Amino acid sequence: MIEQVPQTTRHSTEGRRPIVVLLVDDQRFVGAAVGQLLATESDIELHCCHQAVDAIAMANQITPTMVLQDLVMPDIDGLTLVRLFRANPLTAGTPVIVPLASHVVAAGPGRR
């Protein structure tokens, strides 16, 4: 499922394009938490994709400035998704950030 997290009105006094962040994470609370953290940032537009299989299509639609994604997801693992972003001409140069949490290390690769 693809959704844009409701944010405050986006505007830039300098006429610049907003920073468009694509968050790919199967856990909805992560999108909600990141949305709350960024709610006061008038130049950041957050889009959430909760199924990794939809992430490339979403990225092609919104042309993100950066991608923030989970490493462990049920449909596609995070490293495969990074490879797909790199192979896609529209996202090949887009920075992809994969934060690592302690539960990933403790659970081991591919397990939650």
PDB file of N, CA and C in Angstrom:
ATOM      1  N   MET A   1       0.833  -1.171   0.000  1.00  0.00           N
ATOM      2  CA  MET A   1       0.000   0.000   0.000  1.00  0.00           C
ATOM      3  C   MET A   1       0.883   1.241   0.000  1.00  0.00           C
ATOM      4  N   ILE A   2       0.516   2.225  -0.768  1.00  0.00           N
ATOM      5  CA  ILE A   2       1.288   3.447  -0.902  1.00  0.00           C
ATOM      6  C   ILE A   2       0.452   4.594  -0.352  1.00  0.00           C
ATOM      7  N   GLU A   3       1.080   5.424   0.464  1.00  0.00           N
ATOM      8  CA  GLU A   3       0.351   6.553   1.008  1.00  0.00           C
ATOM      9  C   GLU A   3       1.294   7.705   1.251  1.00  0.00           C
ATOM     10  N   GLN A   4       0.751   8.899   1.213  1.00  0.00           N
ATOM     11  CA  GLN A   4       1.512  10.066   1.607  1.00  0.00           C
ATOM     12  C   GLN A   4       1.086  10.414   3.012  1.00  0.00           C
ATOM     13  N   VAL A   5       2.057  10.587   3.886  1.00  0.00           N
ATOM     14  CA  VAL A   5       1.761  10.936   5.263  1.00  0.00           C
ATOM     15  C   VAL A   5       1.314  12.390   5.297  1.00  0.00           C
ATOM     16  N   PRO A   6       0.170  12.685   5.938  1.00  0.00           N
ATOM     17  CA  PRO A   6      -0.278  14.079   6.022  1.00  0.00           C
ATOM     18  C   PRO A   6       0.784  14.937   6.705  1.00  0.00           C
ATOM     19  N   GLN A   7       1.056  16.049   6.117  1.00  0.00           N
ATOM     20  CA  GLN A   7       2.059  16.958   6.640  1.00  0.00           C
ATOM     21  C   GLN A   7       1.486  18.375   6.668  1.00  0.00           C
ATOM     22  N   THR A   8       2.241  19.264   7.241  1.00  0.00           N
ATOM     23  CA  THR A   8       1.854  20.663   7.187  1.00  0.00           C
ATOM     24  C   THR A   8       2.032  21.151   5.757  1.00  0.00           C
ATOM     25  N   THR A   9       1.461  22.300   5.439  1.00  0.00           N
ATOM     26  CA  THR A   9       1.568  22.850   4.084  1.00  0.00           C
ATOM     27  C   THR A   9       3.030  23.031   3.712  1.00  0.00           C
ATOM     28  N   ARG A  10       3.366  22.615   2.518  1.00  0.00           N
ATOM     29  CA  ARG A  10       4.742  22.706   2.052  1.00  0.00           C
ATOM     30  C   ARG A  10       4.927  24.002   1.265  1.00  0.00           C
ATOM     31  N   HIS A  11       5.927  24.741   1.640  1.00  0.00           N
ATOM     32  CA  HIS A  11       6.257  25.944   0.899  1.00  0.00           C
ATOM     33  C   HIS A  11       7.728  26.246   1.100  1.00  0.00           C
ATOM     34  N   SER A  12       8.278  26.960   0.182  1.00  0.00           N
ATOM     35  CA  SER A  12       9.672  27.347   0.315  1.00  0.00           C
ATOM     36  C   SER A  12       9.779  28.812  -0.049  1.00  0.00           C
ATOM     37  N   THR A  13      10.332  29.578   0.832  1.00  0.00           N
ATOM     38  CA  THR A  13      10.485  31.003   0.555  1.00  0.00           C
ATOM     39  C   THR A  13      11.556  31.240  -0.494  1.00  0.00           C
ATOM     40  N   GLU A  14      12.364  30.258  -0.750  1.00  0.00           N
ATOM     41  CA  GLU A  14      13.437  30.410  -1.724  1.00  0.00           C
ATOM     42  C   GLU A  14      13.083  29.795  -3.077  1.00  0.00           C
ATOM     43  N   GLY A  15      11.876  29.283  -3.231  1.00  0.00           N
ATOM     44  CA  GLY A  15      11.446  28.719  -4.500  1.00  0.00           C
ATOM     45  C   GLY A  15      12.084  27.381  -4.838  1.00  0.00           C
ATOM     46  N   ARG A  16      12.644  26.703  -3.850  1.00  0.00           N
ATOM     47  CA  ARG A  16      13.273  25.417  -4.107  1.00  0.00           C
ATOM     48  C   ARG A  16      12.247  24.295  -4.040  1.00  0.00           C
ATOM     49  N   ARG A  17      12.572  23.207  -4.711  1.00  0.00           N
ATOM     50  CA  ARG A  17      11.761  21.994  -4.644  1.00  0.00           C
ATOM     51  C   ARG A  17      11.886  21.416  -3.244  1.00  0.00           C
ATOM     52  N   PRO A  18      10.784  20.905  -2.679  1.00  0.00           N
ATOM     53  CA  PRO A  18      10.893  20.296  -1.349  1.00  0.00           C
ATOM     54  C   PRO A  18      11.764  19.040  -1.399  1.00  0.00           C
ATOM     55  N   ILE A  19      12.291  18.665  -0.257  1.00  0.00           N
ATOM     56  CA  ILE A  19      13.015  17.408  -0.127  1.00  0.00           C
ATOM     57  C   ILE A  19      11.960  16.310  -0.078  1.00  0.00           C
ATOM     58  N   VAL A  20      12.000  15.413  -1.031  1.00  0.00           N
ATOM     59  CA  VAL A  20      11.001  14.349  -1.131  1.00  0.00           C
ATOM     60  C   VAL A  20      11.624  13.065  -0.605  1.00  0.00           C
ATOM     61  N   VAL A  21      11.060  12.560   0.495  1.00  0.00           N
ATOM     62  CA  VAL A  21      11.575  11.361   1.145  1.00  0.00           C
ATOM     63  C   VAL A  21      10.600  10.216   0.911  1.00  0.00           C
ATOM     64  N   LEU A  22      11.111   9.113   0.399  1.00  0.00           N
ATOM     65  CA  LEU A  22      10.320   7.892   0.276  1.00  0.00           C
ATOM     66  C   LEU A  22      10.744   6.965   1.398  1.00  0.00           C
ATOM     67  N   LEU A  23       9.816   6.656   2.286  1.00  0.00           N
ATOM     68  CA  LEU A  23      10.061   5.723   3.380  1.00  0.00           C
ATOM     69  C   LEU A  23       9.454   4.379   3.002  1.00  0.00           C
ATOM     70  N   VAL A  24      10.272   3.335   2.968  1.00  0.00           N
ATOM     71  CA  VAL A  24       9.810   1.986   2.636  1.00  0.00           C
ATOM     72  C   VAL A  24       9.962   1.134   3.890  1.00  0.00           C
ATOM     73  N   ASP A  25       8.841   0.788   4.497  1.00  0.00           N
ATOM     74  CA  ASP A  25       8.861  -0.010   5.723  1.00  0.00           C
ATOM     75  C   ASP A  25       7.513  -0.694   5.863  1.00  0.00           C
ATOM     76  N   ASP A  26       7.528  -1.983   6.159  1.00  0.00           N
ATOM     77  CA  ASP A  26       6.272  -2.725   6.277  1.00  0.00           C
ATOM     78  C   ASP A  26       5.546  -2.461   7.595  1.00  0.00           C
ATOM     79  N   GLN A  27       6.182  -1.801   8.519  1.00  0.00           N
ATOM     80  CA  GLN A  27       5.549  -1.498   9.801  1.00  0.00           C
ATOM     81  C   GLN A  27       5.022  -0.060   9.780  1.00  0.00           C
ATOM     82  N   ARG A  28       3.705   0.076   9.810  1.00  0.00           N
ATOM     83  CA  ARG A  28       3.067   1.383   9.679  1.00  0.00           C
ATOM     84  C   ARG A  28       3.466   2.373  10.767  1.00  0.00           C
ATOM     85  N   PHE A  29       3.754   1.880  11.976  1.00  0.00           N
ATOM     86  CA  PHE A  29       4.099   2.804  13.053  1.00  0.00           C
ATOM     87  C   PHE A  29       5.392   3.563  12.751  1.00  0.00           C
ATOM     88  N   VAL A  30       6.267   2.977  11.954  1.00  0.00           N
ATOM     89  CA  VAL A  30       7.509   3.652  11.594  1.00  0.00           C
ATOM     90  C   VAL A  30       7.186   4.881  10.749  1.00  0.00           C
ATOM     91  N   GLY A  31       6.301   4.732   9.777  1.00  0.00           N
ATOM     92  CA  GLY A  31       5.890   5.876   8.959  1.00  0.00           C
ATOM     93  C   GLY A  31       5.229   6.954   9.785  1.00  0.00           C
ATOM     94  N   ALA A  32       4.381   6.537  10.725  1.00  0.00           N
ATOM     95  CA  ALA A  32       3.711   7.504  11.594  1.00  0.00           C
ATOM     96  C   ALA A  32       4.733   8.250  12.459  1.00  0.00           C
ATOM     97  N   ALA A  33       5.704   7.522  12.998  1.00  0.00           N
ATOM     98  CA  ALA A  33       6.717   8.147  13.854  1.00  0.00           C
ATOM     99  C   ALA A  33       7.593   9.118  13.058  1.00  0.00           C
ATOM    100  N   VAL A  34       8.037   8.697  11.890  1.00  0.00           N
ATOM    101  CA  VAL A  34       8.861   9.576  11.054  1.00  0.00           C
ATOM    102  C   VAL A  34       8.037  10.790  10.624  1.00  0.00           C
ATOM    103  N   GLY A  35       6.772  10.569  10.302  1.00  0.00           N
ATOM    104  CA  GLY A  35       5.889  11.678   9.936  1.00  0.00           C
ATOM    105  C   GLY A  35       5.763  12.704  11.051  1.00  0.00           C
ATOM    106  N   GLN A  36       5.645  12.232  12.284  1.00  0.00           N
ATOM    107  CA  GLN A  36       5.570  13.152  13.424  1.00  0.00           C
ATOM    108  C   GLN A  36       6.879  13.915  13.597  1.00  0.00           C
ATOM    109  N   LEU A  37       8.002  13.224  13.423  1.00  0.00           N
ATOM    110  CA  LEU A  37       9.297  13.887  13.558  1.00  0.00           C
ATOM    111  C   LEU A  37       9.501  14.975  12.504  1.00  0.00           C
ATOM    112  N   LEU A  38       8.973  14.746  11.312  1.00  0.00           N
ATOM    113  CA  LEU A  38       9.179  15.690  10.210  1.00  0.00           C
ATOM    114  C   LEU A  38       8.042  16.687  10.033  1.00  0.00           C
ATOM    115  N   ALA A  39       7.020  16.597  10.856  1.00  0.00           N
ATOM    116  CA  ALA A  39       5.812  17.416  10.680  1.00  0.00           C
ATOM    117  C   ALA A  39       6.097  18.913  10.688  1.00  0.00           C
ATOM    118  N   THR A  40       7.082  19.356  11.413  1.00  0.00           N
ATOM    119  CA  THR A  40       7.368  20.789  11.490  1.00  0.00           C
ATOM    120  C   THR A  40       8.348  21.256  10.423  1.00  0.00           C
ATOM    121  N   GLU A  41       8.827  20.348   9.612  1.00  0.00           N
ATOM    122  CA  GLU A  41       9.790  20.696   8.560  1.00  0.00           C
ATOM    123  C   GLU A  41       9.031  21.073   7.295  1.00  0.00           C
ATOM    124  N   SER A  42       8.983  22.346   7.005  1.00  0.00           N
ATOM    125  CA  SER A  42       8.151  22.813   5.890  1.00  0.00           C
ATOM    126  C   SER A  42       8.696  22.445   4.517  1.00  0.00           C
ATOM    127  N   ASP A  43       9.950  22.047   4.441  1.00  0.00           N
ATOM    128  CA  ASP A  43      10.527  21.742   3.129  1.00  0.00           C
ATOM    129  C   ASP A  43      10.746  20.248   2.907  1.00  0.00           C
ATOM    130  N   ILE A  44      10.122  19.401   3.754  1.00  0.00           N
ATOM    131  CA  ILE A  44      10.251  17.954   3.581  1.00  0.00           C
ATOM    132  C   ILE A  44       8.879  17.345   3.320  1.00  0.00           C
ATOM    133  N   GLU A  45       8.800  16.570   2.249  1.00  0.00           N
ATOM    134  CA  GLU A  45       7.566  15.876   1.867  1.00  0.00           C
ATOM    135  C   GLU A  45       7.813  14.382   2.045  1.00  0.00           C
ATOM    136  N   LEU A  46       7.044  13.746   2.934  1.00  0.00           N
ATOM    137  CA  LEU A  46       7.246  12.336   3.237  1.00  0.00           C
ATOM    138  C   LEU A  46       6.184  11.482   2.557  1.00  0.00           C
ATOM    139  N   HIS A  47       6.636  10.441   1.867  1.00  0.00           N
ATOM    140  CA  HIS A  47       5.749   9.454   1.251  1.00  0.00           C
ATOM    141  C   HIS A  47       6.109   8.101   1.842  1.00  0.00           C
ATOM    142  N   CYS A  48       5.097   7.306   2.202  1.00  0.00           N
ATOM    143  CA  CYS A  48       5.340   5.991   2.791  1.00  0.00           C
ATOM    144  C   CYS A  48       4.851   4.891   1.863  1.00  0.00           C
ATOM    145  N   CYS A  49       5.656   3.859   1.744  1.00  0.00           N
ATOM    146  CA  CYS A  49       5.312   2.670   0.980  1.00  0.00           C
ATOM    147  C   CYS A  49       5.481   1.491   1.937  1.00  0.00           C
ATOM    148  N   HIS A  50       4.398   0.755   2.181  1.00  0.00           N
ATOM    149  CA  HIS A  50       4.428  -0.309   3.177  1.00  0.00           C
ATOM    150  C   HIS A  50       4.697  -1.688   2.587  1.00  0.00           C
ATOM    151  N   GLN A  51       4.814  -1.776   1.273  1.00  0.00           N
ATOM    152  CA  GLN A  51       5.153  -3.042   0.622  1.00  0.00           C
ATOM    153  C   GLN A  51       6.323  -2.787  -0.316  1.00  0.00           C
ATOM    154  N   ALA A  52       7.420  -3.457  -0.055  1.00  0.00           N
ATOM    155  CA  ALA A  52       8.629  -3.237  -0.839  1.00  0.00           C
ATOM    156  C   ALA A  52       8.416  -3.479  -2.332  1.00  0.00           C
ATOM    157  N   VAL A  53       7.505  -4.389  -2.674  1.00  0.00           N
ATOM    158  CA  VAL A  53       7.258  -4.677  -4.096  1.00  0.00           C
ATOM    159  C   VAL A  53       6.708  -3.457  -4.835  1.00  0.00           C
ATOM    160  N   ASP A  54       6.134  -2.501  -4.103  1.00  0.00           N
ATOM    161  CA  ASP A  54       5.586  -1.287  -4.714  1.00  0.00           C
ATOM    162  C   ASP A  54       6.565  -0.118  -4.709  1.00  0.00           C
ATOM    163  N   ALA A  55       7.719  -0.275  -4.095  1.00  0.00           N
ATOM    164  CA  ALA A  55       8.626   0.843  -3.858  1.00  0.00           C
ATOM    165  C   ALA A  55       9.192   1.463  -5.137  1.00  0.00           C
ATOM    166  N   ILE A  56       9.582   0.660  -6.091  1.00  0.00           N
ATOM    167  CA  ILE A  56      10.161   1.207  -7.333  1.00  0.00           C
ATOM    168  C   ILE A  56       9.112   2.013  -8.092  1.00  0.00           C
ATOM    169  N   ALA A  57       7.891   1.483  -8.193  1.00  0.00           N
ATOM    170  CA  ALA A  57       6.818   2.211  -8.883  1.00  0.00           C
ATOM    171  C   ALA A  57       6.535   3.534  -8.185  1.00  0.00           C
ATOM    172  N   MET A  58       6.504   3.513  -6.859  1.00  0.00           N
ATOM    173  CA  MET A  58       6.276   4.736  -6.101  1.00  0.00           C
ATOM    174  C   MET A  58       7.394   5.733  -6.332  1.00  0.00           C
ATOM    175  N   ALA A  59       8.625   5.261  -6.303  1.00  0.00           N
ATOM    176  CA  ALA A  59       9.769   6.135  -6.546  1.00  0.00           C
ATOM    177  C   ALA A  59       9.698   6.747  -7.944  1.00  0.00           C
ATOM    178  N   ASN A  60       9.293   5.968  -8.925  1.00  0.00           N
ATOM    179  CA  ASN A  60       9.163   6.501 -10.281  1.00  0.00           C
ATOM    180  C   ASN A  60       8.084   7.581 -10.363  1.00  0.00           C
ATOM    181  N   GLN A  61       7.045   7.463  -9.533  1.00  0.00           N
ATOM    182  CA  GLN A  61       5.961   8.459  -9.506  1.00  0.00           C
ATOM    183  C   GLN A  61       6.393   9.759  -8.851  1.00  0.00           C
ATOM    184  N   ILE A  62       7.078   9.671  -7.720  1.00  0.00           N
ATOM    185  CA  ILE A  62       7.333  10.865  -6.908  1.00  0.00           C
ATOM    186  C   ILE A  62       8.729  11.446  -7.078  1.00  0.00           C
ATOM    187  N   THR A  63       9.649  10.719  -7.709  1.00  0.00           N
ATOM    188  CA  THR A  63      11.036  11.131  -7.880  1.00  0.00           C
ATOM    189  C   THR A  63      11.634  11.615  -6.556  1.00  0.00           C
ATOM    190  N   PRO A  64      11.886  10.707  -5.632  1.00  0.00           N
ATOM    191  CA  PRO A  64      12.363  11.121  -4.314  1.00  0.00           C
ATOM    192  C   PRO A  64      13.766  11.714  -4.340  1.00  0.00           C
ATOM    193  N   THR A  65      14.008  12.606  -3.405  1.00  0.00           N
ATOM    194  CA  THR A  65      15.337  13.154  -3.193  1.00  0.00           C
ATOM    195  C   THR A  65      16.205  12.115  -2.494  1.00  0.00           C
ATOM    196  N   MET A  66      15.558  11.314  -1.634  1.00  0.00           N
ATOM    197  CA  MET A  66      16.243  10.240  -0.928  1.00  0.00           C
ATOM    198  C   MET A  66      15.252   9.156  -0.545  1.00  0.00           C
ATOM    199  N   VAL A  67      15.772   7.957  -0.313  1.00  0.00           N
ATOM    200  CA  VAL A  67      14.959   6.815   0.122  1.00  0.00           C
ATOM    201  C   VAL A  67      15.465   6.388   1.493  1.00  0.00           C
ATOM    202  N   LEU A  68      14.522   6.198   2.404  1.00  0.00           N
ATOM    203  CA  LEU A  68      14.812   5.670   3.731  1.00  0.00           C
ATOM    204  C   LEU A  68      14.060   4.350   3.809  1.00  0.00           C
ATOM    205  N   GLN A  69      14.771   3.240   3.994  1.00  0.00           N
ATOM    206  CA  GLN A  69      14.092   1.952   3.910  1.00  0.00           C
ATOM    207  C   GLN A  69      14.540   0.981   4.982  1.00  0.00           C
ATOM    208  N   ASP A  70      13.651   0.053   5.270  1.00  0.00           N
ATOM    209  CA  ASP A  70      13.912  -1.025   6.214  1.00  0.00           C
ATOM    210  C   ASP A  70      14.811  -2.063   5.540  1.00  0.00           C
ATOM    211  N   LEU A  71      15.503  -2.825   6.338  1.00  0.00           N
ATOM    212  CA  LEU A  71      16.348  -3.887   5.801  1.00  0.00           C
ATOM    213  C   LEU A  71      15.597  -5.212   5.749  1.00  0.00           C
ATOM    214  N   VAL A  72      14.767  -5.486   6.755  1.00  0.00           N
ATOM    215  CA  VAL A  72      14.069  -6.761   6.844  1.00  0.00           C
ATOM    216  C   VAL A  72      12.585  -6.529   6.569  1.00  0.00           C
ATOM    217  N   MET A  73      12.132  -7.013   5.413  1.00  0.00           N
ATOM    218  CA  MET A  73      10.731  -6.864   5.011  1.00  0.00           C
ATOM    219  C   MET A  73      10.243  -8.207   4.481  1.00  0.00           C
ATOM    220  N   PRO A  74       8.939  -8.461   4.536  1.00  0.00           N
ATOM    221  CA  PRO A  74       8.436  -9.785   4.163  1.00  0.00           C
ATOM    222  C   PRO A  74       8.480 -10.113   2.671  1.00  0.00           C
ATOM    223  N   ASP A  75       8.308  -9.133   1.794  1.00  0.00           N
ATOM    224  CA  ASP A  75       8.205  -9.468   0.376  1.00  0.00           C
ATOM    225  C   ASP A  75       9.528  -9.382  -0.385  1.00  0.00           C
ATOM    226  N   ILE A  76      10.369  -8.421  -0.046  1.00  0.00           N
ATOM    227  CA  ILE A  76      11.689  -8.277  -0.669  1.00  0.00           C
ATOM    228  C   ILE A  76      12.642  -7.850   0.435  1.00  0.00           C
ATOM    229  N   ASP A  77      13.801  -8.482   0.519  1.00  0.00           N
ATOM    230  CA  ASP A  77      14.747  -8.047   1.544  1.00  0.00           C
ATOM    231  C   ASP A  77      15.363  -6.705   1.127  1.00  0.00           C
ATOM    232  N   GLY A  78      15.816  -5.968   2.116  1.00  0.00           N
ATOM    233  CA  GLY A  78      16.298  -4.617   1.889  1.00  0.00           C
ATOM    234  C   GLY A  78      17.468  -4.503   0.935  1.00  0.00           C
ATOM    235  N   LEU A  79      18.399  -5.442   0.980  1.00  0.00           N
ATOM    236  CA  LEU A  79      19.551  -5.373   0.080  1.00  0.00           C
ATOM    237  C   LEU A  79      19.143  -5.591  -1.372  1.00  0.00           C
ATOM    238  N   THR A  80      18.181  -6.475  -1.584  1.00  0.00           N
ATOM    239  CA  THR A  80      17.663  -6.666  -2.948  1.00  0.00           C
ATOM    240  C   THR A  80      16.987  -5.390  -3.430  1.00  0.00           C
ATOM    241  N   LEU A  81      16.248  -4.739  -2.538  1.00  0.00           N
ATOM    242  CA  LEU A  81      15.582  -3.497  -2.927  1.00  0.00           C
ATOM    243  C   LEU A  81      16.597  -2.412  -3.270  1.00  0.00           C
ATOM    244  N   VAL A  82      17.693  -2.332  -2.530  1.00  0.00           N
ATOM    245  CA  VAL A  82      18.746  -1.370  -2.867  1.00  0.00           C
ATOM    246  C   VAL A  82      19.273  -1.661  -4.274  1.00  0.00           C
ATOM    247  N   ARG A  83      19.487  -2.930  -4.593  1.00  0.00           N
ATOM    248  CA  ARG A  83      19.960  -3.297  -5.941  1.00  0.00           C
ATOM    249  C   ARG A  83      18.947  -2.886  -7.011  1.00  0.00           C
ATOM    250  N   LEU A  84      17.663  -3.046  -6.711  1.00  0.00           N
ATOM    251  CA  LEU A  84      16.618  -2.650  -7.666  1.00  0.00           C
ATOM    252  C   LEU A  84      16.608  -1.138  -7.863  1.00  0.00           C
ATOM    253  N   PHE A  85      16.790  -0.376  -6.783  1.00  0.00           N
ATOM    254  CA  PHE A  85      16.876   1.084  -6.915  1.00  0.00           C
ATOM    255  C   PHE A  85      18.079   1.472  -7.766  1.00  0.00           C
ATOM    256  N   ARG A  86      19.202   0.787  -7.579  1.00  0.00           N
ATOM    257  CA  ARG A  86      20.415   1.103  -8.349  1.00  0.00           C
ATOM    258  C   ARG A  86      20.266   0.718  -9.825  1.00  0.00           C
ATOM    259  N   ALA A  87      19.507  -0.329 -10.109  1.00  0.00           N
ATOM    260  CA  ALA A  87      19.318  -0.775 -11.491  1.00  0.00           C
ATOM    261  C   ALA A  87      18.283   0.061 -12.242  1.00  0.00           C
ATOM    262  N   ASN A  88      17.464   0.780 -11.521  1.00  0.00           N
ATOM    263  CA  ASN A  88      16.410   1.600 -12.129  1.00  0.00           C
ATOM    264  C   ASN A  88      17.001   2.946 -12.564  1.00  0.00           C
ATOM    265  N   PRO A  89      16.910   3.309 -13.834  1.00  0.00           N
ATOM    266  CA  PRO A  89      17.508   4.565 -14.300  1.00  0.00           C
ATOM    267  C   PRO A  89      17.000   5.808 -13.558  1.00  0.00           C
ATOM    268  N   LEU A  90      15.752   5.798 -13.101  1.00  0.00           N
ATOM    269  CA  LEU A  90      15.204   6.970 -12.417  1.00  0.00           C
ATOM    270  C   LEU A  90      15.662   7.100 -10.963  1.00  0.00           C
ATOM    271  N   THR A  91      16.183   6.026 -10.378  1.00  0.00           N
ATOM    272  CA  THR A  91      16.604   6.074  -8.975  1.00  0.00           C
ATOM    273  C   THR A  91      18.065   5.668  -8.781  1.00  0.00           C
ATOM    274  N   ALA A  92      18.781   5.428  -9.856  1.00  0.00           N
ATOM    275  CA  ALA A  92      20.160   4.939  -9.759  1.00  0.00           C
ATOM    276  C   ALA A  92      21.053   5.867  -8.937  1.00  0.00           C
ATOM    277  N   GLY A  93      20.818   7.159  -9.001  1.00  0.00           N
ATOM    278  CA  GLY A  93      21.646   8.123  -8.271  1.00  0.00           C
ATOM    279  C   GLY A  93      21.017   8.633  -6.989  1.00  0.00           C
ATOM    280  N   THR A  94      19.866   8.113  -6.621  1.00  0.00           N
ATOM    281  CA  THR A  94      19.168   8.566  -5.423  1.00  0.00           C
ATOM    282  C   THR A  94      19.799   7.942  -4.181  1.00  0.00           C
ATOM    283  N   PRO A  95      20.151   8.761  -3.183  1.00  0.00           N
ATOM    284  CA  PRO A  95      20.697   8.179  -1.945  1.00  0.00           C
ATOM    285  C   PRO A  95      19.673   7.264  -1.273  1.00  0.00           C
ATOM    286  N   VAL A  96      20.121   6.093  -0.848  1.00  0.00           N
ATOM    287  CA  VAL A  96      19.285   5.133  -0.140  1.00  0.00           C
ATOM    288  C   VAL A  96      19.917   4.910   1.235  1.00  0.00           C
ATOM    289  N   ILE A  97      19.146   5.173   2.278  1.00  0.00           N
ATOM    290  CA  ILE A  97      19.625   5.008   3.649  1.00  0.00           C
ATOM    291  C   ILE A  97      18.882   3.836   4.265  1.00  0.00           C
ATOM    292  N   VAL A  98      19.645   2.896   4.817  1.00  0.00           N
ATOM    293  CA  VAL A  98      19.073   1.715   5.456  1.00  0.00           C
ATOM    294  C   VAL A  98      19.533   1.725   6.912  1.00  0.00           C
ATOM    295  N   PRO A  99      18.729   2.320   7.818  1.00  0.00           N
ATOM    296  CA  PRO A  99      19.141   2.324   9.222  1.00  0.00           C
ATOM    297  C   PRO A  99      19.094   0.916   9.797  1.00  0.00           C
ATOM    298  N   LEU A 100      20.039   0.606  10.629  1.00  0.00           N
ATOM    299  CA  LEU A 100      20.078  -0.705  11.266  1.00  0.00           C
ATOM    300  C   LEU A 100      19.670  -0.559  12.721  1.00  0.00           C
ATOM    301  N   ALA A 101      18.760  -1.390  13.137  1.00  0.00           N
ATOM    302  CA  ALA A 101      18.311  -1.388  14.524  1.00  0.00           C
ATOM    303  C   ALA A 101      18.855  -2.631  15.215  1.00  0.00           C
ATOM    304  N   SER A 102      18.898  -2.589  16.520  1.00  0.00           N
ATOM    305  CA  SER A 102      19.452  -3.718  17.272  1.00  0.00           C
ATOM    306  C   SER A 102      18.648  -4.992  17.066  1.00  0.00           C
ATOM    307  N   HIS A 103      17.324  -4.873  16.786  1.00  0.00           N
ATOM    308  CA  HIS A 103      16.526  -6.080  16.591  1.00  0.00           C
ATOM    309  C   HIS A 103      16.938  -6.832  15.329  1.00  0.00           C
ATOM    310  N   VAL A 104      17.474  -6.133  14.351  1.00  0.00           N
ATOM    311  CA  VAL A 104      17.925  -6.793  13.127  1.00  0.00           C
ATOM    312  C   VAL A 104      19.139  -7.654  13.437  1.00  0.00           C
ATOM    313  N   VAL A 105      20.067  -7.113  14.179  1.00  0.00           N
ATOM    314  CA  VAL A 105      21.277  -7.855  14.530  1.00  0.00           C
ATOM    315  C   VAL A 105      20.928  -9.019  15.446  1.00  0.00           C
ATOM    316  N   ALA A 106      20.061  -8.777  16.426  1.00  0.00           N
ATOM    317  CA  ALA A 106      19.704  -9.813  17.390  1.00  0.00           C
ATOM    318  C   ALA A 106      18.902 -10.942  16.739  1.00  0.00           C
ATOM    319  N   ALA A 107      18.023 -10.595  15.794  1.00  0.00           N
ATOM    320  CA  ALA A 107      17.162 -11.587  15.176  1.00  0.00           C
ATOM    321  C   ALA A 107      17.897 -12.353  14.089  1.00  0.00           C
ATOM    322  N   GLY A 108      18.907 -11.732  13.502  1.00  0.00           N
ATOM    323  CA  GLY A 108      19.611 -12.379  12.411  1.00  0.00           C
ATOM    324  C   GLY A 108      18.965 -12.034  11.085  1.00  0.00           C
ATOM    325  N   PRO A 109      19.681 -12.208  10.005  1.00  0.00           N
ATOM    326  CA  PRO A 109      19.166 -11.838   8.692  1.00  0.00           C
ATOM    327  C   PRO A 109      17.927 -12.652   8.322  1.00  0.00           C
ATOM    328  N   GLY A 110      16.936 -11.955   7.788  1.00  0.00           N
ATOM    329  CA  GLY A 110      15.734 -12.622   7.294  1.00  0.00           C
ATOM    330  C   GLY A 110      14.744 -13.066   8.339  1.00  0.00           C
ATOM    331  N   ARG A 111      15.006 -12.778   9.619  1.00  0.00           N
ATOM    332  CA  ARG A 111      14.070 -13.171  10.679  1.00  0.00           C
ATOM    333  C   ARG A 111      13.691 -11.955  11.481  1.00  0.00           C
ATOM    334  N   ARG A 112      12.505 -12.001  12.099  1.00  0.00           N
ATOM    335  CA  ARG A 112      12.052 -10.924  12.976  1.00  0.00           C
ATOM    336  C   ARG A 112      11.849 -11.480  14.336  1.00  0.00           C
TER     337      ARG A 112
END
